[in-house]
Amino acid sequence: MKNIIKNSQKRFGRIILVIINILLILAAVLSSLVYSDHIRNEKTQMQIDAFCSTMEGMKQVSGNYLKMEKGYAENWANYIERQNMTMDEALDYIKNSNSQKDRHAHIVDMDRGFRSSK
C-alpha cells in the first residue's frame, strides 16, 4: 500500500512539474509576443514622427523659397510699373537683371496672354 501511495505521489508530482513547466513556457512566449508587439508599435511611431518632421522641414524650406521668389517678382513688378515699361521692355529688363540662369520669369497680361523670359 505504501508503494501505491508513493507511486501516485510521484506521478502527481511529475504531473504538477509538467504543468508548471508548460505554464512557464507559455508565459515566456506570451511575454515575448507582447514585448515584440510593443517594440514594433514604438518603431512604427518613430518612423511616423520622423516622416512628419521631414515634411514640416520641407514645408518651411518651400515656404521660405516661395517668399524669396515672391520678393523678387514684387521688386521687378514695382520697378517695371514705376518705369511705365512696355511688355517687351519689361521682358528685357527681367532677362538682364536675372542673376540666376535657372530661374524663369513669366509676365501675365490678362488681355494678351503671357510671355516668358529666361
PDB file of N, CA and C in Angstrom:
ATOM      1  N   MET A   1       0.807  -1.178   0.000  1.00  0.00           N
ATOM      2  CA  MET A   1       0.000   0.000   0.000  1.00  0.00           C
ATOM      3  C   MET A   1       0.866   1.265   0.000  1.00  0.00           C
ATOM      4  N   LYS A   2       1.949   1.211   0.755  1.00  0.00           N
ATOM      5  CA  LYS A   2       2.862   2.358   0.789  1.00  0.00           C
ATOM      6  C   LYS A   2       3.441   2.630  -0.604  1.00  0.00           C
ATOM      7  N   ASN A   3       3.739   1.548  -1.351  1.00  0.00           N
ATOM      8  CA  ASN A   3       4.295   1.713  -2.702  1.00  0.00           C
ATOM      9  C   ASN A   3       3.287   2.365  -3.634  1.00  0.00           C
ATOM     10  N   ILE A   4       2.034   2.000  -3.504  1.00  0.00           N
ATOM     11  CA  ILE A   4       0.994   2.583  -4.348  1.00  0.00           C
ATOM     12  C   ILE A   4       0.851   4.072  -4.052  1.00  0.00           C
ATOM     13  N   ILE A   5       0.891   4.421  -2.762  1.00  0.00           N
ATOM     14  CA  ILE A   5       0.790   5.835  -2.380  1.00  0.00           C
ATOM     15  C   ILE A   5       2.015   6.605  -2.866  1.00  0.00           C
ATOM     16  N   LYS A   6       3.216   5.999  -2.709  1.00  0.00           N
ATOM     17  CA  LYS A   6       4.445   6.661  -3.164  1.00  0.00           C
ATOM     18  C   LYS A   6       4.427   6.844  -4.675  1.00  0.00           C
ATOM     19  N   ASN A   7       3.981   5.812  -5.402  1.00  0.00           N
ATOM     20  CA  ASN A   7       3.918   5.908  -6.866  1.00  0.00           C
ATOM     21  C   ASN A   7       2.911   6.974  -7.300  1.00  0.00           C
ATOM     22  N   SER A   8       1.774   7.028  -6.652  1.00  0.00           N
ATOM     23  CA  SER A   8       0.781   8.030  -7.019  1.00  0.00           C
ATOM     24  C   SER A   8       1.266   9.437  -6.650  1.00  0.00           C
ATOM     25  N   GLN A   9       2.007   9.554  -5.537  1.00  0.00           N
ATOM     26  CA  GLN A   9       2.572  10.867  -5.177  1.00  0.00           C
ATOM     27  C   GLN A   9       3.636  11.287  -6.194  1.00  0.00           C
ATOM     28  N   LYS A  10       4.478  10.331  -6.640  1.00  0.00           N
ATOM     29  CA  LYS A  10       5.497  10.635  -7.650  1.00  0.00           C
ATOM     30  C   LYS A  10       4.834  11.045  -8.967  1.00  0.00           C
ATOM     31  N   ARG A  11       3.801  10.290  -9.331  1.00  0.00           N
ATOM     32  CA  ARG A  11       3.089  10.587 -10.565  1.00  0.00           C
ATOM     33  C   ARG A  11       2.431  11.967 -10.466  1.00  0.00           C
ATOM     34  N   PHE A  12       1.798  12.241  -9.332  1.00  0.00           N
ATOM     35  CA  PHE A  12       1.161  13.545  -9.110  1.00  0.00           C
ATOM     36  C   PHE A  12       2.206  14.663  -9.140  1.00  0.00           C
ATOM     37  N   GLY A  13       3.364  14.448  -8.557  1.00  0.00           N
ATOM     38  CA  GLY A  13       4.453  15.433  -8.563  1.00  0.00           C
ATOM     39  C   GLY A  13       4.961  15.698  -9.964  1.00  0.00           C
ATOM     40  N   ARG A  14       5.081  14.624 -10.774  1.00  0.00           N
ATOM     41  CA  ARG A  14       5.538  14.780 -12.154  1.00  0.00           C
ATOM     42  C   ARG A  14       4.505  15.552 -12.977  1.00  0.00           C
ATOM     43  N   ILE A  15       3.237  15.239 -12.768  1.00  0.00           N
ATOM     44  CA  ILE A  15       2.186  15.948 -13.500  1.00  0.00           C
ATOM     45  C   ILE A  15       2.200  17.431 -13.149  1.00  0.00           C
ATOM     46  N   ILE A  16       2.332  17.744 -11.880  1.00  0.00           N
ATOM     47  CA  ILE A  16       2.406  19.149 -11.450  1.00  0.00           C
ATOM     48  C   ILE A  16       3.640  19.821 -12.041  1.00  0.00           C
ATOM     49  N   LEU A  17       4.771  19.116 -12.045  1.00  0.00           N
ATOM     50  CA  LEU A  17       6.008  19.658 -12.620  1.00  0.00           C
ATOM     51  C   LEU A  17       5.840  19.933 -14.111  1.00  0.00           C
ATOM     52  N   VAL A  18       5.220  19.021 -14.849  1.00  0.00           N
ATOM     53  CA  VAL A  18       4.988  19.214 -16.285  1.00  0.00           C
ATOM     54  C   VAL A  18       4.039  20.393 -16.504  1.00  0.00           C
ATOM     55  N   ILE A  19       2.978  20.484 -15.723  1.00  0.00           N
ATOM     56  CA  ILE A  19       2.028  21.592 -15.868  1.00  0.00           C
ATOM     57  C   ILE A  19       2.703  22.928 -15.578  1.00  0.00           C
ATOM     58  N   ILE A  20       3.507  22.994 -14.533  1.00  0.00           N
ATOM     59  CA  ILE A  20       4.228  24.229 -14.187  1.00  0.00           C
ATOM     60  C   ILE A  20       5.190  24.608 -15.315  1.00  0.00           C
ATOM     61  N   ASN A  21       5.909  23.624 -15.879  1.00  0.00           N
ATOM     62  CA  ASN A  21       6.836  23.897 -16.983  1.00  0.00           C
ATOM     63  C   ASN A  21       6.081  24.421 -18.212  1.00  0.00           C
ATOM     64  N   ILE A  22       4.947  23.808 -18.521  1.00  0.00           N
ATOM     65  CA  ILE A  22       4.148  24.272 -19.653  1.00  0.00           C
ATOM     66  C   ILE A  22       3.669  25.704 -19.409  1.00  0.00           C
ATOM     67  N   LEU A  23       3.219  25.995 -18.187  1.00  0.00           N
ATOM     68  CA  LEU A  23       2.776  27.356 -17.861  1.00  0.00           C
ATOM     69  C   LEU A  23       3.922  28.355 -17.968  1.00  0.00           C
ATOM     70  N   LEU A  24       5.117  27.961 -17.522  1.00  0.00           N
ATOM     71  CA  LEU A  24       6.279  28.852 -17.638  1.00  0.00           C
ATOM     72  C   LEU A  24       6.634  29.118 -19.104  1.00  0.00           C
ATOM     73  N   ILE A  25       6.586  28.069 -19.926  1.00  0.00           N
ATOM     74  CA  ILE A  25       6.887  28.240 -21.349  1.00  0.00           C
ATOM     75  C   ILE A  25       5.844  29.152 -22.002  1.00  0.00           C
ATOM     76  N   LEU A  26       4.565  28.925 -21.685  1.00  0.00           N
ATOM     77  CA  LEU A  26       3.511  29.786 -22.224  1.00  0.00           C
ATOM     78  C   LEU A  26       3.677  31.238 -21.774  1.00  0.00           C
ATOM     79  N   ALA A  27       4.060  31.438 -20.529  1.00  0.00           N
ATOM     80  CA  ALA A  27       4.282  32.796 -20.021  1.00  0.00           C
ATOM     81  C   ALA A  27       5.447  33.462 -20.749  1.00  0.00           C
ATOM     82  N   ALA A  28       6.519  32.688 -21.000  1.00  0.00           N
ATOM     83  CA  ALA A  28       7.680  33.243 -21.706  1.00  0.00           C
ATOM     84  C   ALA A  28       7.305  33.612 -23.148  1.00  0.00           C
ATOM     85  N   VAL A  29       6.564  32.743 -23.831  1.00  0.00           N
ATOM     86  CA  VAL A  29       6.161  33.017 -25.211  1.00  0.00           C
ATOM     87  C   VAL A  29       5.221  34.217 -25.256  1.00  0.00           C
ATOM     88  N   LEU A  30       4.269  34.257 -24.345  1.00  0.00           N
ATOM     89  CA  LEU A  30       3.323  35.377 -24.306  1.00  0.00           C
ATOM     90  C   LEU A  30       4.019  36.704 -24.023  1.00  0.00           C
ATOM     91  N   SER A  31       4.948  36.697 -23.068  1.00  0.00           N
ATOM     92  CA  SER A  31       5.660  37.948 -22.764  1.00  0.00           C
ATOM     93  C   SER A  31       6.532  38.373 -23.942  1.00  0.00           C
ATOM     94  N   SER A  32       7.113  37.411 -24.667  1.00  0.00           N
ATOM     95  CA  SER A  32       7.902  37.745 -25.861  1.00  0.00           C
ATOM     96  C   SER A  32       7.027  38.369 -26.931  1.00  0.00           C
ATOM     97  N   LEU A  33       5.826  37.819 -27.132  1.00  0.00           N
ATOM     98  CA  LEU A  33       4.912  38.378 -28.122  1.00  0.00           C
ATOM     99  C   LEU A  33       4.470  39.788 -27.754  1.00  0.00           C
ATOM    100  N   VAL A  34       4.146  40.010 -26.499  1.00  0.00           N
ATOM    101  CA  VAL A  34       3.718  41.337 -26.047  1.00  0.00           C
ATOM    102  C   VAL A  34       4.856  42.341 -26.210  1.00  0.00           C
ATOM    103  N   TYR A  35       6.063  41.936 -25.833  1.00  0.00           N
ATOM    104  CA  TYR A  35       7.228  42.825 -25.937  1.00  0.00           C
ATOM    105  C   TYR A  35       7.532  43.162 -27.401  1.00  0.00           C
ATOM    106  N   SER A  36       7.519  42.150 -28.273  1.00  0.00           N
ATOM    107  CA  SER A  36       7.819  42.406 -29.688  1.00  0.00           C
ATOM    108  C   SER A  36       6.746  43.283 -30.327  1.00  0.00           C
ATOM    109  N   ASP A  37       5.500  43.117 -29.939  1.00  0.00           N
ATOM    110  CA  ASP A  37       4.428  43.978 -30.451  1.00  0.00           C
ATOM    111  C   ASP A  37       4.625  45.421 -29.983  1.00  0.00           C
ATOM    112  N   HIS A  38       5.012  45.585 -28.734  1.00  0.00           N
ATOM    113  CA  HIS A  38       5.281  46.926 -28.200  1.00  0.00           C
ATOM    114  C   HIS A  38       6.433  47.578 -28.956  1.00  0.00           C
ATOM    115  N   ILE A  39       7.504  46.849 -29.189  1.00  0.00           N
ATOM    116  CA  ILE A  39       8.668  47.393 -29.901  1.00  0.00           C
ATOM    117  C   ILE A  39       8.287  47.748 -31.340  1.00  0.00           C
ATOM    118  N   ARG A  40       7.494  46.896 -31.995  1.00  0.00           N
ATOM    119  CA  ARG A  40       7.063  47.166 -33.363  1.00  0.00           C
ATOM    120  C   ARG A  40       6.221  48.434 -33.420  1.00  0.00           C
ATOM    121  N   ASN A  41       5.297  48.590 -32.494  1.00  0.00           N
ATOM    122  CA  ASN A  41       4.461  49.799 -32.455  1.00  0.00           C
ATOM    123  C   ASN A  41       5.302  51.043 -32.185  1.00  0.00           C
ATOM    124  N   GLU A  42       6.269  50.909 -31.288  1.00  0.00           N
ATOM    125  CA  GLU A  42       7.149  52.036 -30.967  1.00  0.00           C
ATOM    126  C   GLU A  42       7.973  52.438 -32.183  1.00  0.00           C
ATOM    127  N   LYS A  43       8.496  51.441 -32.909  1.00  0.00           N
ATOM    128  CA  LYS A  43       9.298  51.719 -34.099  1.00  0.00           C
ATOM    129  C   LYS A  43       8.448  52.384 -35.182  1.00  0.00           C
ATOM    130  N   THR A  44       7.226  51.900 -35.363  1.00  0.00           N
ATOM    131  CA  THR A  44       6.322  52.494 -36.344  1.00  0.00           C
ATOM    132  C   THR A  44       6.029  53.948 -35.990  1.00  0.00           C
ATOM    133  N   GLN A  45       5.789  54.216 -34.725  1.00  0.00           N
ATOM    134  CA  GLN A  45       5.513  55.592 -34.294  1.00  0.00           C
ATOM    135  C   GLN A  45       6.729  56.491 -34.510  1.00  0.00           C
ATOM    136  N   MET A  46       7.928  55.947 -34.272  1.00  0.00           N
ATOM    137  CA  MET A  46       9.144  56.729 -34.514  1.00  0.00           C
ATOM    138  C   MET A  46       9.288  57.066 -35.993  1.00  0.00           C
ATOM    139  N   GLN A  47       8.960  56.105 -36.876  1.00  0.00           N
ATOM    140  CA  GLN A  47       9.043  56.361 -38.311  1.00  0.00           C
ATOM    141  C   GLN A  47       8.014  57.407 -38.736  1.00  0.00           C
ATOM    142  N   ILE A  48       6.826  57.342 -38.164  1.00  0.00           N
ATOM    143  CA  ILE A  48       5.793  58.336 -38.474  1.00  0.00           C
ATOM    144  C   ILE A  48       6.245  59.718 -38.010  1.00  0.00           C
ATOM    145  N   ASP A  49       6.808  59.802 -36.807  1.00  0.00           N
ATOM    146  CA  ASP A  49       7.288  61.079 -36.287  1.00  0.00           C
ATOM    147  C   ASP A  49       8.414  61.639 -37.151  1.00  0.00           C
ATOM    148  N   ALA A  50       9.334  60.756 -37.580  1.00  0.00           N
ATOM    149  CA  ALA A  50      10.435  61.207 -38.438  1.00  0.00           C
ATOM    150  C   ALA A  50       9.904  61.722 -39.775  1.00  0.00           C
ATOM    151  N   PHE A  51       8.926  61.026 -40.339  1.00  0.00           N
ATOM    152  CA  PHE A  51       8.329  61.461 -41.601  1.00  0.00           C
ATOM    153  C   PHE A  51       7.656  62.816 -41.439  1.00  0.00           C
ATOM    154  N   CYS A  52       6.899  62.976 -40.350  1.00  0.00           N
ATOM    155  CA  CYS A  52       6.208  64.256 -40.110  1.00  0.00           C
ATOM    156  C   CYS A  52       7.217  65.388 -39.922  1.00  0.00           C
ATOM    157  N   SER A  53       8.306  65.123 -39.214  1.00  0.00           N
ATOM    158  CA  SER A  53       9.344  66.143 -39.027  1.00  0.00           C
ATOM    159  C   SER A  53       9.975  66.527 -40.362  1.00  0.00           C
ATOM    160  N   THR A  54      10.227  65.533 -41.199  1.00  0.00           N
ATOM    161  CA  THR A  54      10.801  65.801 -42.514  1.00  0.00           C
ATOM    162  C   THR A  54       9.859  66.647 -43.350  1.00  0.00           C
ATOM    163  N   MET A  55       8.580  66.292 -43.331  1.00  0.00           N
ATOM    164  CA  MET A  55       7.593  67.053 -44.099  1.00  0.00           C
ATOM    165  C   MET A  55       7.480  68.490 -43.584  1.00  0.00           C
ATOM    166  N   GLU A  56       7.527  68.658 -42.276  1.00  0.00           N
ATOM    167  CA  GLU A  56       7.454  70.008 -41.701  1.00  0.00           C
ATOM    168  C   GLU A  56       8.669  70.832 -42.123  1.00  0.00           C
ATOM    169  N   GLY A  57       9.842  70.209 -42.107  1.00  0.00           N
ATOM    170  CA  GLY A  57      11.051  70.905 -42.549  1.00  0.00           C
ATOM    171  C   GLY A  57      10.980  71.280 -44.021  1.00  0.00           C
ATOM    172  N   MET A  58      10.496  70.352 -44.844  1.00  0.00           N
ATOM    173  CA  MET A  58      10.356  70.641 -46.271  1.00  0.00           C
ATOM    174  C   MET A  58       9.333  71.752 -46.503  1.00  0.00           C
ATOM    175  N   LYS A  59       8.285  71.763 -45.705  1.00  0.00           N
ATOM    176  CA  LYS A  59       7.272  72.815 -45.834  1.00  0.00           C
ATOM    177  C   LYS A  59       7.886  74.177 -45.529  1.00  0.00           C
ATOM    178  N   GLN A  60       8.718  74.246 -44.499  1.00  0.00           N
ATOM    179  CA  GLN A  60       9.343  75.521 -44.133  1.00  0.00           C
ATOM    180  C   GLN A  60      10.325  75.974 -45.209  1.00  0.00           C
ATOM    181  N   VAL A  61      11.108  75.030 -45.738  1.00  0.00           N
ATOM    182  CA  VAL A  61      12.066  75.371 -46.791  1.00  0.00           C
ATOM    183  C   VAL A  61      11.320  75.867 -48.029  1.00  0.00           C
ATOM    184  N   SER A  62      10.263  75.156 -48.415  1.00  0.00           N
ATOM    185  CA  SER A  62       9.485  75.568 -49.588  1.00  0.00           C
ATOM    186  C   SER A  62       8.840  76.930 -49.371  1.00  0.00           C
ATOM    187  N   GLY A  63       8.298  77.144 -48.185  1.00  0.00           N
ATOM    188  CA  GLY A  63       7.682  78.437 -47.878  1.00  0.00           C
ATOM    189  C   GLY A  63       8.679  79.569 -47.954  1.00  0.00           C
ATOM    190  N   ASN A  64       9.871  79.356 -47.392  1.00  0.00           N
ATOM    191  CA  ASN A  64      10.909  80.395 -47.448  1.00  0.00           C
ATOM    192  C   ASN A  64      11.340  80.668 -48.881  1.00  0.00           C
ATOM    193  N   TYR A  65      11.471  79.603 -49.677  1.00  0.00           N
ATOM    194  CA  TYR A  65      11.856  79.773 -51.077  1.00  0.00           C
ATOM    195  C   TYR A  65      10.799  80.592 -51.822  1.00  0.00           C
ATOM    196  N   LEU A  66       9.530  80.229 -51.627  1.00  0.00           N
ATOM    197  CA  LEU A  66       8.462  80.949 -52.323  1.00  0.00           C
ATOM    198  C   LEU A  66       8.368  82.408 -51.882  1.00  0.00           C
ATOM    199  N   LYS A  67       8.606  82.685 -50.606  1.00  0.00           N
ATOM    200  CA  LYS A  67       8.618  84.077 -50.133  1.00  0.00           C
ATOM    201  C   LYS A  67       9.736  84.856 -50.804  1.00  0.00           C
ATOM    202  N   MET A  68      10.902  84.225 -50.932  1.00  0.00           N
ATOM    203  CA  MET A  68      12.039  84.882 -51.563  1.00  0.00           C
ATOM    204  C   MET A  68      11.733  85.168 -53.039  1.00  0.00           C
ATOM    205  N   GLU A  69      11.196  84.184 -53.737  1.00  0.00           N
ATOM    206  CA  GLU A  69      10.862  84.376 -55.152  1.00  0.00           C
ATOM    207  C   GLU A  69       9.763  85.418 -55.313  1.00  0.00           C
ATOM    208  N   LYS A  70       8.802  85.424 -54.411  1.00  0.00           N
ATOM    209  CA  LYS A  70       7.737  86.428 -54.458  1.00  0.00           C
ATOM    210  C   LYS A  70       8.334  87.831 -54.285  1.00  0.00           C
ATOM    211  N   GLY A  71       9.339  87.948 -53.412  1.00  0.00           N
ATOM    212  CA  GLY A  71      10.011  89.232 -53.225  1.00  0.00           C
ATOM    213  C   GLY A  71      10.679  89.709 -54.501  1.00  0.00           C
ATOM    214  N   TYR A  72      11.360  88.775 -55.211  1.00  0.00           N
ATOM    215  CA  TYR A  72      11.971  89.145 -56.495  1.00  0.00           C
ATOM    216  C   TYR A  72      10.896  89.629 -57.476  1.00  0.00           C
ATOM    217  N   ALA A  73       9.807  88.881 -57.567  1.00  0.00           N
ATOM    218  CA  ALA A  73       8.747  89.240 -58.512  1.00  0.00           C
ATOM    219  C   ALA A  73       8.128  90.589 -58.155  1.00  0.00           C
ATOM    220  N   GLU A  74       7.921  90.835 -56.866  1.00  0.00           N
ATOM    221  CA  GLU A  74       7.353  92.118 -56.453  1.00  0.00           C
ATOM    222  C   GLU A  74       8.304  93.269 -56.764  1.00  0.00           C
ATOM    223  N   ASN A  75       9.602  93.048 -56.549  1.00  0.00           N
ATOM    224  CA  ASN A  75      10.582  94.088 -56.875  1.00  0.00           C
ATOM    225  C   ASN A  75      10.579  94.394 -58.371  1.00  0.00           C
ATOM    226  N   TRP A  76      10.579  93.345 -59.187  1.00  0.00           N
ATOM    227  CA  TRP A  76      10.539  93.546 -60.630  1.00  0.00           C
ATOM    228  C   TRP A  76       9.258  94.278 -61.027  1.00  0.00           C
ATOM    229  N   ALA A  77       8.133  93.847 -60.477  1.00  0.00           N
ATOM    230  CA  ALA A  77       6.843  94.453 -60.838  1.00  0.00           C
ATOM    231  C   ALA A  77       6.802  95.924 -60.450  1.00  0.00           C
ATOM    232  N   ASN A  78       7.291  96.248 -59.265  1.00  0.00           N
ATOM    233  CA  ASN A  78       7.295  97.646 -58.824  1.00  0.00           C
ATOM    234  C   ASN A  78       8.170  98.509 -59.730  1.00  0.00           C
ATOM    235  N   TYR A  79       9.345  98.012 -60.068  1.00  0.00           N
ATOM    236  CA  TYR A  79      10.250  98.787 -60.923  1.00  0.00           C
ATOM    237  C   TYR A  79       9.636  98.956 -62.316  1.00  0.00           C
ATOM    238  N   ILE A  80       9.106  97.883 -62.867  1.00  0.00           N
ATOM    239  CA  ILE A  80       8.505  97.936 -64.210  1.00  0.00           C
ATOM    240  C   ILE A  80       7.334  98.915 -64.222  1.00  0.00           C
ATOM    241  N   GLU A  81       6.525  98.879 -63.189  1.00  0.00           N
ATOM    242  CA  GLU A  81       5.365  99.770 -63.113  1.00  0.00           C
ATOM    243  C   GLU A  81       5.799 101.228 -62.978  1.00  0.00           C
ATOM    244  N   ARG A  82       6.818 101.483 -62.151  1.00  0.00           N
ATOM    245  CA  ARG A  82       7.282 102.874 -61.971  1.00  0.00           C
ATOM    246  C   ARG A  82       7.911 103.426 -63.250  1.00  0.00           C
ATOM    247  N   GLN A  83       8.510 102.543 -64.055  1.00  0.00           N
ATOM    248  CA  GLN A  83       9.167 102.991 -65.286  1.00  0.00           C
ATOM    249  C   GLN A  83       8.214 103.015 -66.485  1.00  0.00           C
ATOM    250  N   ASN A  84       6.981 102.573 -66.283  1.00  0.00           N
ATOM    251  CA  ASN A  84       5.996 102.503 -67.370  1.00  0.00           C
ATOM    252  C   ASN A  84       6.549 101.763 -68.585  1.00  0.00           C
ATOM    253  N   MET A  85       7.135 100.605 -68.349  1.00  0.00           N
ATOM    254  CA  MET A  85       7.735  99.821 -69.434  1.00  0.00           C
ATOM    255  C   MET A  85       6.657  99.097 -70.234  1.00  0.00           C
ATOM    256  N   THR A  86       6.985  98.886 -71.509  1.00  0.00           N
ATOM    257  CA  THR A  86       6.124  98.044 -72.337  1.00  0.00           C
ATOM    258  C   THR A  86       6.414  96.583 -71.995  1.00  0.00           C
ATOM    259  N   MET A  87       5.614  95.689 -72.579  1.00  0.00           N
ATOM    260  CA  MET A  87       5.804  94.260 -72.312  1.00  0.00           C
ATOM    261  C   MET A  87       7.199  93.817 -72.748  1.00  0.00           C
ATOM    262  N   ASP A  88       7.625  94.230 -73.922  1.00  0.00           N
ATOM    263  CA  ASP A  88       8.947  93.822 -74.416  1.00  0.00           C
ATOM    264  C   ASP A  88      10.063  94.426 -73.576  1.00  0.00           C
ATOM    265  N   GLU A  89       9.929  95.683 -73.162  1.00  0.00           N
ATOM    266  CA  GLU A  89      10.938  96.308 -72.298  1.00  0.00           C
ATOM    267  C   GLU A  89      11.004  95.589 -70.949  1.00  0.00           C
ATOM    268  N   ALA A  90       9.847  95.227 -70.427  1.00  0.00           N
ATOM    269  CA  ALA A  90       9.819  94.528 -69.148  1.00  0.00           C
ATOM    270  C   ALA A  90      10.496  93.172 -69.262  1.00  0.00           C
ATOM    271  N   LEU A  91      10.241  92.455 -70.354  1.00  0.00           N
ATOM    272  CA  LEU A  91      10.905  91.163 -70.547  1.00  0.00           C
ATOM    273  C   LEU A  91      12.414  91.320 -70.658  1.00  0.00           C
ATOM    274  N   ASP A  92      12.869  92.325 -71.379  1.00  0.00           N
ATOM    275  CA  ASP A  92      14.305  92.579 -71.498  1.00  0.00           C
ATOM    276  C   ASP A  92      14.906  92.925 -70.136  1.00  0.00           C
ATOM    277  N   TYR A  93      14.215  93.764 -69.372  1.00  0.00           N
ATOM    278  CA  TYR A  93      14.698  94.142 -68.042  1.00  0.00           C
ATOM    279  C   TYR A  93      14.838  92.906 -67.152  1.00  0.00           C
ATOM    280  N   ILE A  94      13.798  92.094 -67.134  1.00  0.00           N
ATOM    281  CA  ILE A  94      13.846  90.899 -66.283  1.00  0.00           C
ATOM    282  C   ILE A  94      14.950  89.958 -66.738  1.00  0.00           C
ATOM    283  N   LYS A  95      15.073  89.791 -68.041  1.00  0.00           N
ATOM    284  CA  LYS A  95      16.106  88.904 -68.573  1.00  0.00           C
ATOM    285  C   LYS A  95      17.504  89.396 -68.193  1.00  0.00           C
ATOM    286  N   ASN A  96      17.730  90.693 -68.285  1.00  0.00           N
ATOM    287  CA  ASN A  96      19.053  91.243 -67.980  1.00  0.00           C
ATOM    288  C   ASN A  96      19.330  91.310 -66.482  1.00  0.00           C
ATOM    289  N   SER A  97      18.294  91.495 -65.674  1.00  0.00           N
ATOM    290  CA  SER A  97      18.524  91.633 -64.228  1.00  0.00           C
ATOM    291  C   SER A  97      18.506  90.288 -63.506  1.00  0.00           C
ATOM    292  N   ASN A  98      18.125  89.235 -64.181  1.00  0.00           N
ATOM    293  CA  ASN A  98      18.066  87.916 -63.562  1.00  0.00           C
ATOM    294  C   ASN A  98      19.473  87.352 -63.426  1.00  0.00           C
ATOM    295  N   SER A  99      19.940  87.209 -62.195  1.00  0.00           N
ATOM    296  CA  SER A  99      21.295  86.717 -61.964  1.00  0.00           C
ATOM    297  C   SER A  99      21.358  85.196 -61.898  1.00  0.00           C
ATOM    298  N   GLN A 100      20.239  84.546 -61.718  1.00  0.00           N
ATOM    299  CA  GLN A 100      20.210  83.083 -61.643  1.00  0.00           C
ATOM    300  C   GLN A 100      19.630  82.546 -62.950  1.00  0.00           C
ATOM    301  N   LYS A 101      20.460  81.897 -63.711  1.00  0.00           N
ATOM    302  CA  LYS A 101      20.054  81.453 -65.044  1.00  0.00           C
ATOM    303  C   LYS A 101      19.048  80.302 -64.993  1.00  0.00           C
ATOM    304  N   ASP A 102      18.916  79.629 -63.860  1.00  0.00           N
ATOM    305  CA  ASP A 102      17.925  78.559 -63.759  1.00  0.00           C
ATOM    306  C   ASP A 102      16.565  79.078 -63.294  1.00  0.00           C
ATOM    307  N   ARG A 103      16.448  80.372 -63.050  1.00  0.00           N
ATOM    308  CA  ARG A 103      15.174  80.988 -62.667  1.00  0.00           C
ATOM    309  C   ARG A 103      14.503  81.506 -63.931  1.00  0.00           C
ATOM    310  N   HIS A 104      13.220  81.200 -64.073  1.00  0.00           N
ATOM    311  CA  HIS A 104      12.455  81.643 -65.227  1.00  0.00           C
ATOM    312  C   HIS A 104      11.383  82.620 -64.762  1.00  0.00           C
ATOM    313  N   ALA A 105      11.145  83.630 -65.570  1.00  0.00           N
ATOM    314  CA  ALA A 105      10.136  84.625 -65.233  1.00  0.00           C
ATOM    315  C   ALA A 105       9.076  84.640 -66.316  1.00  0.00           C
ATOM    316  N   HIS A 106       7.842  84.856 -65.904  1.00  0.00           N
ATOM    317  CA  HIS A 106       6.721  84.940 -66.825  1.00  0.00           C
ATOM    318  C   HIS A 106       5.955  86.219 -66.527  1.00  0.00           C
ATOM    319  N   ILE A 107       5.543  86.898 -67.570  1.00  0.00           N
ATOM    320  CA  ILE A 107       4.715  88.088 -67.408  1.00  0.00           C
ATOM    321  C   ILE A 107       3.320  87.733 -67.902  1.00  0.00           C
ATOM    322  N   VAL A 108       2.354  87.952 -67.060  1.00  0.00           N
ATOM    323  CA  VAL A 108       0.974  87.632 -67.413  1.00  0.00           C
ATOM    324  C   VAL A 108       0.240  88.929 -67.707  1.00  0.00           C
ATOM    325  N   ASP A 109      -0.320  88.991 -68.904  1.00  0.00           N
ATOM    326  CA  ASP A 109      -1.151  90.128 -69.305  1.00  0.00           C
ATOM    327  C   ASP A 109      -2.553  89.567 -69.509  1.00  0.00           C
ATOM    328  N   MET A 110      -3.490  90.060 -68.740  1.00  0.00           N
ATOM    329  CA  MET A 110      -4.842  89.500 -68.775  1.00  0.00           C
ATOM    330  C   MET A 110      -5.500  89.681 -70.140  1.00  0.00           C
ATOM    331  N   ASP A 111      -5.062  90.670 -70.924  1.00  0.00           N
ATOM    332  CA  ASP A 111      -5.667  90.911 -72.232  1.00  0.00           C
ATOM    333  C   ASP A 111      -5.001  90.093 -73.337  1.00  0.00           C
ATOM    334  N   ARG A 112      -3.666  89.978 -73.284  1.00  0.00           N
ATOM    335  CA  ARG A 112      -2.939  89.371 -74.392  1.00  0.00           C
ATOM    336  C   ARG A 112      -2.308  88.026 -74.045  1.00  0.00           C
ATOM    337  N   GLY A 113      -2.522  87.464 -72.873  1.00  0.00           N
ATOM    338  CA  GLY A 113      -1.887  86.199 -72.506  1.00  0.00           C
ATOM    339  C   GLY A 113      -0.605  86.453 -71.751  1.00  0.00           C
ATOM    340  N   PHE A 114       0.348  85.532 -71.891  1.00  0.00           N
ATOM    341  CA  PHE A 114       1.616  85.728 -71.168  1.00  0.00           C
ATOM    342  C   PHE A 114       2.786  85.522 -72.109  1.00  0.00           C
ATOM    343  N   ARG A 115       3.916  86.087 -71.678  1.00  0.00           N
ATOM    344  CA  ARG A 115       5.194  85.897 -72.386  1.00  0.00           C
ATOM    345  C   ARG A 115       6.204  85.495 -71.332  1.00  0.00           C
ATOM    346  N   SER A 116       7.198  84.772 -71.762  1.00  0.00           N
ATOM    347  CA  SER A 116       8.181  84.331 -70.782  1.00  0.00           C
ATOM    348  C   SER A 116       9.562  84.818 -71.145  1.00  0.00           C
ATOM    349  N   SER A 117      10.397  84.828 -70.118  1.00  0.00           N
ATOM    350  CA  SER A 117      11.778  85.278 -70.278  1.00  0.00           C
ATOM    351  C   SER A 117      12.661  84.302 -69.538  1.00  0.00           C
ATOM    352  N   LYS A 118      13.809  83.999 -70.100  1.00  0.00           N
ATOM    353  CA  LYS A 118      14.755  83.105 -69.409  1.00  0.00           C
ATOM    354  C   LYS A 118      15.922  83.894 -68.888  1.00  0.00           C
TER     355      LYS A 118
END
